[in-house]
Amino acid sequence: MPITAKADVYSFGVMLFEIICCRRRTETNVPDNEAMLVDWVYDCFKANEVNKLVPEDEVDKKKLERVVKVGLWCTQDEPSSRPSMKKVILMLEGTVNIADPPCPTSIVSSQSLE
């Protein structure tokens, strides 16, 4: 699959997070650990605290977790790890199981520098 198609998939994942969290990809008026949206979403997912992403809304936690997983797969640093848009649609519809996404490379890289 061409890299540009995988870039469109990445952008779709970021857009999902922006819609869920009602904020931009990067923010300066939040705590440092929440500044990068993709990293913060992953941290909340791994801590089983996806409800922090939508603190003022009542949502179906299973549906929220599914959308978060899809977004995390879409935003993997390695383009070859990202799903096709066809698979993204199937995951969002709930017609295929979604494995837990691996840690984004950017988080691993920043943790190894500390």
N, C-alpha and C. Protein backbone atom coordinates (compact mmCIF):
# COMPACT_ATOMS: atom_id res chain seq x y z
N MET A 1 0.85 -1.17 0.00
CA MET A 1 0.00 0.00 0.00
C MET A 1 0.90 1.24 0.00
N PRO A 2 0.58 2.22 -0.80
CA PRO A 2 1.39 3.43 -0.86
C PRO A 2 1.45 4.15 0.48
N ILE A 3 2.58 4.79 0.74
CA ILE A 3 2.78 5.51 1.99
C ILE A 3 1.70 6.59 2.18
N THR A 4 1.29 7.24 1.09
CA THR A 4 0.29 8.30 1.24
C THR A 4 -1.01 7.76 1.80
N ALA A 5 -1.38 6.53 1.42
CA ALA A 5 -2.61 5.94 1.96
C ALA A 5 -2.47 5.69 3.46
N LYS A 6 -1.30 5.27 3.89
CA LYS A 6 -1.06 5.03 5.31
C LYS A 6 -1.00 6.35 6.08
N ALA A 7 -0.55 7.46 5.37
CA ALA A 7 -0.57 8.78 6.00
C ALA A 7 -2.00 9.25 6.21
N ASP A 8 -2.91 8.94 5.16
CA ASP A 8 -4.32 9.29 5.33
C ASP A 8 -4.91 8.56 6.52
N VAL A 9 -4.49 7.24 6.74
CA VAL A 9 -4.95 6.43 7.88
C VAL A 9 -4.50 7.08 9.18
N TYR A 10 -3.23 7.54 9.25
CA TYR A 10 -2.71 8.20 10.46
C TYR A 10 -3.56 9.43 10.79
N SER A 11 -3.81 10.23 9.79
CA SER A 11 -4.61 11.44 9.99
C SER A 11 -6.01 11.12 10.48
N PHE A 12 -6.57 10.03 10.00
CA PHE A 12 -7.90 9.61 10.44
C PHE A 12 -7.88 9.26 11.93
N GLY A 13 -6.83 8.57 12.37
CA GLY A 13 -6.69 8.22 13.78
C GLY A 13 -6.60 9.47 14.66
N VAL A 14 -5.80 10.43 14.22
CA VAL A 14 -5.67 11.68 14.97
C VAL A 14 -7.02 12.39 15.02
N MET A 15 -7.74 12.39 13.91
CA MET A 15 -9.05 13.03 13.87
C MET A 15 -10.03 12.35 14.84
N LEU A 16 -9.97 11.01 14.93
CA LEU A 16 -10.82 10.31 15.90
C LEU A 16 -10.54 10.81 17.31
N PHE A 17 -9.26 10.93 17.66
CA PHE A 17 -8.90 11.39 19.00
C PHE A 17 -9.33 12.83 19.24
N GLU A 18 -9.18 13.67 18.23
CA GLU A 18 -9.59 15.07 18.37
C GLU A 18 -11.10 15.18 18.60
N ILE A 19 -11.87 14.33 17.94
CA ILE A 19 -13.32 14.33 18.11
C ILE A 19 -13.70 13.80 19.49
N ILE A 20 -13.10 12.69 19.88
CA ILE A 20 -13.40 12.08 21.18
C ILE A 20 -13.08 13.04 22.32
N CYS A 21 -11.88 13.62 22.26
CA CYS A 21 -11.37 14.42 23.38
C CYS A 21 -11.71 15.90 23.27
N CYS A 22 -12.28 16.31 22.15
CA CYS A 22 -12.62 17.72 21.92
C CYS A 22 -11.42 18.64 22.12
N ARG A 23 -10.30 18.25 21.53
CA ARG A 23 -9.09 19.08 21.60
C ARG A 23 -8.17 18.79 20.43
N ARG A 24 -7.15 19.60 20.29
CA ARG A 24 -6.20 19.47 19.19
C ARG A 24 -5.16 18.40 19.49
N ARG A 25 -4.40 18.09 18.46
CA ARG A 25 -3.35 17.07 18.55
C ARG A 25 -2.30 17.42 19.60
N THR A 26 -1.95 18.70 19.68
CA THR A 26 -1.03 19.16 20.72
C THR A 26 -1.66 20.35 21.44
N GLU A 27 -1.43 20.39 22.73
CA GLU A 27 -1.98 21.47 23.56
C GLU A 27 -0.89 21.97 24.50
N THR A 28 -0.92 23.26 24.78
CA THR A 28 0.05 23.83 25.71
C THR A 28 -0.56 24.14 27.07
N ASN A 29 -1.88 24.18 27.13
CA ASN A 29 -2.55 24.55 28.38
C ASN A 29 -3.05 23.34 29.17
N VAL A 30 -2.33 22.22 29.06
CA VAL A 30 -2.66 21.00 29.81
C VAL A 30 -1.38 20.51 30.48
N PRO A 31 -1.50 19.59 31.43
CA PRO A 31 -0.28 19.03 32.04
C PRO A 31 0.63 18.40 30.97
N ASP A 32 1.93 18.41 31.23
CA ASP A 32 2.91 17.90 30.26
C ASP A 32 2.58 16.50 29.75
N ASN A 33 2.12 15.62 30.64
CA ASN A 33 1.83 14.25 30.21
C ASN A 33 0.59 14.14 29.32
N GLU A 34 -0.15 15.25 29.15
CA GLU A 34 -1.32 15.27 28.27
C GLU A 34 -1.12 16.13 27.03
N ALA A 35 0.06 16.72 26.88
CA ALA A 35 0.30 17.68 25.80
C ALA A 35 0.18 17.04 24.42
N MET A 36 0.72 15.84 24.25
CA MET A 36 0.64 15.15 22.96
C MET A 36 -0.56 14.20 23.02
N LEU A 37 -1.57 14.50 22.24
CA LEU A 37 -2.84 13.79 22.31
C LEU A 37 -2.69 12.28 22.13
N VAL A 38 -1.96 11.84 21.11
CA VAL A 38 -1.82 10.40 20.83
C VAL A 38 -1.18 9.70 22.02
N ASP A 39 -0.14 10.29 22.59
CA ASP A 39 0.55 9.67 23.74
C ASP A 39 -0.37 9.62 24.96
N TRP A 40 -1.11 10.69 25.20
CA TRP A 40 -2.02 10.71 26.34
C TRP A 40 -3.13 9.68 26.19
N VAL A 41 -3.67 9.55 24.99
CA VAL A 41 -4.72 8.55 24.74
C VAL A 41 -4.17 7.16 25.03
N TYR A 42 -2.96 6.89 24.57
CA TYR A 42 -2.35 5.57 24.81
C TYR A 42 -2.17 5.34 26.32
N ASP A 43 -1.67 6.34 27.04
CA ASP A 43 -1.49 6.21 28.48
C ASP A 43 -2.81 5.89 29.18
N CYS A 44 -3.86 6.59 28.81
CA CYS A 44 -5.19 6.34 29.39
C CYS A 44 -5.67 4.94 29.04
N PHE A 45 -5.44 4.50 27.82
CA PHE A 45 -5.86 3.17 27.38
C PHE A 45 -5.14 2.10 28.20
N LYS A 46 -3.83 2.21 28.32
CA LYS A 46 -3.05 1.20 29.05
C LYS A 46 -3.41 1.17 30.53
N ALA A 47 -3.79 2.30 31.09
CA ALA A 47 -4.17 2.38 32.51
C ALA A 47 -5.64 2.01 32.71
N ASN A 48 -6.32 1.63 31.63
CA ASN A 48 -7.75 1.31 31.68
C ASN A 48 -8.56 2.49 32.21
N GLU A 49 -8.19 3.69 31.74
CA GLU A 49 -8.85 4.92 32.17
C GLU A 49 -9.33 5.74 30.97
N VAL A 50 -9.91 5.09 29.97
CA VAL A 50 -10.36 5.82 28.78
C VAL A 50 -11.45 6.83 29.11
N ASN A 51 -12.10 6.64 30.25
CA ASN A 51 -13.14 7.60 30.65
C ASN A 51 -12.54 8.99 30.89
N LYS A 52 -11.24 9.09 31.16
CA LYS A 52 -10.59 10.39 31.33
C LYS A 52 -10.59 11.20 30.04
N LEU A 53 -10.74 10.51 28.91
CA LEU A 53 -10.70 11.19 27.61
C LEU A 53 -11.97 12.00 27.37
N VAL A 54 -13.06 11.62 28.02
CA VAL A 54 -14.35 12.30 27.86
C VAL A 54 -14.95 12.54 29.24
N PRO A 55 -14.30 13.34 30.07
CA PRO A 55 -14.70 13.46 31.47
C PRO A 55 -16.11 14.02 31.70
N GLU A 56 -16.61 14.79 30.80
CA GLU A 56 -17.91 15.42 31.02
C GLU A 56 -19.06 14.72 30.31
N ASP A 57 -18.78 13.61 29.65
CA ASP A 57 -19.81 12.93 28.87
C ASP A 57 -20.07 11.53 29.39
N GLU A 58 -21.33 11.11 29.31
CA GLU A 58 -21.70 9.73 29.57
C GLU A 58 -21.57 8.98 28.26
N VAL A 59 -20.70 7.99 28.23
CA VAL A 59 -20.50 7.23 27.00
C VAL A 59 -20.48 5.74 27.31
N ASP A 60 -20.74 4.96 26.29
CA ASP A 60 -20.64 3.51 26.38
C ASP A 60 -19.15 3.16 26.38
N LYS A 61 -18.65 2.65 27.49
CA LYS A 61 -17.21 2.40 27.63
C LYS A 61 -16.69 1.42 26.58
N LYS A 62 -17.46 0.38 26.27
CA LYS A 62 -17.01 -0.60 25.26
C LYS A 62 -16.85 0.06 23.89
N LYS A 63 -17.80 0.91 23.52
CA LYS A 63 -17.70 1.60 22.22
C LYS A 63 -16.53 2.57 22.23
N LEU A 64 -16.35 3.28 23.33
CA LEU A 64 -15.23 4.21 23.44
C LEU A 64 -13.91 3.47 23.33
N GLU A 65 -13.78 2.35 24.02
CA GLU A 65 -12.55 1.56 23.94
C GLU A 65 -12.29 1.07 22.52
N ARG A 66 -13.35 0.69 21.81
CA ARG A 66 -13.18 0.23 20.43
C ARG A 66 -12.65 1.37 19.56
N VAL A 67 -13.23 2.55 19.68
CA VAL A 67 -12.78 3.69 18.88
C VAL A 67 -11.34 4.08 19.25
N VAL A 68 -11.02 4.03 20.53
CA VAL A 68 -9.66 4.34 20.97
C VAL A 68 -8.67 3.34 20.39
N LYS A 69 -9.00 2.05 20.43
CA LYS A 69 -8.12 1.04 19.86
C LYS A 69 -7.89 1.29 18.37
N VAL A 70 -8.97 1.58 17.66
CA VAL A 70 -8.85 1.86 16.23
C VAL A 70 -7.92 3.04 16.01
N GLY A 71 -8.13 4.12 16.75
CA GLY A 71 -7.29 5.29 16.62
C GLY A 71 -5.83 5.00 16.93
N LEU A 72 -5.59 4.17 17.96
CA LEU A 72 -4.21 3.83 18.31
C LEU A 72 -3.55 2.99 17.22
N TRP A 73 -4.29 2.09 16.60
CA TRP A 73 -3.73 1.33 15.48
C TRP A 73 -3.43 2.26 14.31
N CYS A 74 -4.32 3.19 14.05
CA CYS A 74 -4.13 4.13 12.93
C CYS A 74 -2.91 5.03 13.13
N THR A 75 -2.59 5.33 14.38
CA THR A 75 -1.51 6.29 14.66
C THR A 75 -0.19 5.62 15.03
N GLN A 76 -0.04 4.37 14.69
CA GLN A 76 1.25 3.72 14.92
C GLN A 76 2.34 4.45 14.14
N ASP A 77 3.51 4.62 14.76
CA ASP A 77 4.61 5.33 14.09
C ASP A 77 5.06 4.63 12.81
N GLU A 78 5.06 3.32 12.83
CA GLU A 78 5.50 2.55 11.66
C GLU A 78 4.32 2.38 10.69
N PRO A 79 4.40 3.00 9.50
CA PRO A 79 3.27 2.93 8.56
C PRO A 79 2.82 1.51 8.23
N SER A 80 3.75 0.56 8.20
CA SER A 80 3.36 -0.81 7.86
C SER A 80 2.54 -1.46 8.97
N SER A 81 2.55 -0.88 10.16
CA SER A 81 1.75 -1.41 11.27
C SER A 81 0.31 -0.90 11.26
N ARG A 82 0.06 0.14 10.47
CA ARG A 82 -1.28 0.73 10.41
C ARG A 82 -2.21 -0.10 9.54
N PRO A 83 -3.48 -0.18 9.91
CA PRO A 83 -4.44 -0.92 9.09
C PRO A 83 -4.83 -0.14 7.83
N SER A 84 -5.42 -0.85 6.89
CA SER A 84 -5.98 -0.17 5.72
C SER A 84 -7.27 0.51 6.15
N MET A 85 -7.74 1.46 5.37
CA MET A 85 -9.00 2.13 5.70
C MET A 85 -10.16 1.14 5.68
N LYS A 86 -10.10 0.14 4.81
CA LYS A 86 -11.15 -0.87 4.79
C LYS A 86 -11.21 -1.61 6.12
N LYS A 87 -10.04 -1.96 6.66
CA LYS A 87 -9.99 -2.65 7.95
C LYS A 87 -10.44 -1.70 9.07
N VAL A 88 -10.09 -0.42 8.97
CA VAL A 88 -10.52 0.57 9.96
C VAL A 88 -12.05 0.59 10.04
N ILE A 89 -12.69 0.61 8.89
CA ILE A 89 -14.16 0.63 8.86
C ILE A 89 -14.73 -0.63 9.49
N LEU A 90 -14.15 -1.79 9.17
CA LEU A 90 -14.63 -3.04 9.75
C LEU A 90 -14.44 -3.04 11.27
N MET A 91 -13.33 -2.49 11.74
CA MET A 91 -13.09 -2.42 13.18
C MET A 91 -14.10 -1.50 13.85
N LEU A 92 -14.36 -0.35 13.24
CA LEU A 92 -15.32 0.59 13.82
C LEU A 92 -16.73 0.01 13.85
N GLU A 93 -17.07 -0.76 12.82
CA GLU A 93 -18.39 -1.40 12.77
C GLU A 93 -18.53 -2.52 13.79
N GLY A 94 -17.40 -3.03 14.27
CA GLY A 94 -17.43 -4.13 15.23
C GLY A 94 -17.52 -5.49 14.57
N THR A 95 -17.24 -5.55 13.26
CA THR A 95 -17.34 -6.83 12.56
C THR A 95 -16.05 -7.65 12.62
N VAL A 96 -14.97 -7.05 13.11
CA VAL A 96 -13.71 -7.78 13.32
C VAL A 96 -13.21 -7.46 14.73
N ASN A 97 -12.53 -8.43 15.32
CA ASN A 97 -11.93 -8.20 16.64
C ASN A 97 -10.74 -7.27 16.50
N ILE A 98 -10.50 -6.48 17.54
CA ILE A 98 -9.39 -5.54 17.53
C ILE A 98 -8.43 -5.94 18.65
N ALA A 99 -7.23 -6.32 18.26
CA ALA A 99 -6.20 -6.64 19.25
C ALA A 99 -5.75 -5.35 19.94
N ASP A 100 -5.23 -5.49 21.14
CA ASP A 100 -4.69 -4.31 21.81
C ASP A 100 -3.51 -3.79 21.01
N PRO A 101 -3.49 -2.50 20.74
CA PRO A 101 -2.40 -1.93 19.95
C PRO A 101 -1.10 -1.88 20.75
N PRO A 102 0.04 -2.01 20.07
CA PRO A 102 1.31 -1.89 20.77
C PRO A 102 1.59 -0.44 21.14
N CYS A 103 2.57 -0.26 21.98
CA CYS A 103 2.97 1.08 22.40
C CYS A 103 3.50 1.85 21.20
N PRO A 104 3.02 3.08 21.02
CA PRO A 104 3.57 3.90 19.93
C PRO A 104 5.07 4.10 20.13
N THR A 105 5.82 4.07 19.06
CA THR A 105 7.27 4.20 19.11
C THR A 105 7.69 5.49 19.78
N SER A 106 6.95 6.57 19.57
CA SER A 106 7.35 7.85 20.16
C SER A 106 7.38 7.78 21.68
N ILE A 107 6.46 7.03 22.28
CA ILE A 107 6.45 6.90 23.73
C ILE A 107 7.65 6.09 24.19
N VAL A 108 7.93 4.98 23.50
CA VAL A 108 9.07 4.16 23.86
C VAL A 108 10.35 4.96 23.76
N SER A 109 10.49 5.74 22.69
CA SER A 109 11.70 6.54 22.49
C SER A 109 11.87 7.58 23.59
N SER A 110 10.78 8.26 23.95
CA SER A 110 10.89 9.32 24.96
C SER A 110 11.15 8.72 26.34
N GLN A 111 10.63 7.53 26.64
CA GLN A 111 10.87 6.91 27.92
C GLN A 111 12.31 6.44 28.05
N SER A 112 12.92 5.99 26.95
CA SER A 112 14.29 5.51 27.02
C SER A 112 15.28 6.67 27.22
N LEU A 113 14.85 7.89 26.91
CA LEU A 113 15.72 9.05 27.09
C LEU A 113 15.72 9.58 28.51
N GLU A 114 14.72 9.17 29.28
CA GLU A 114 14.60 9.69 30.65
C GLU A 114 15.56 9.00 31.59
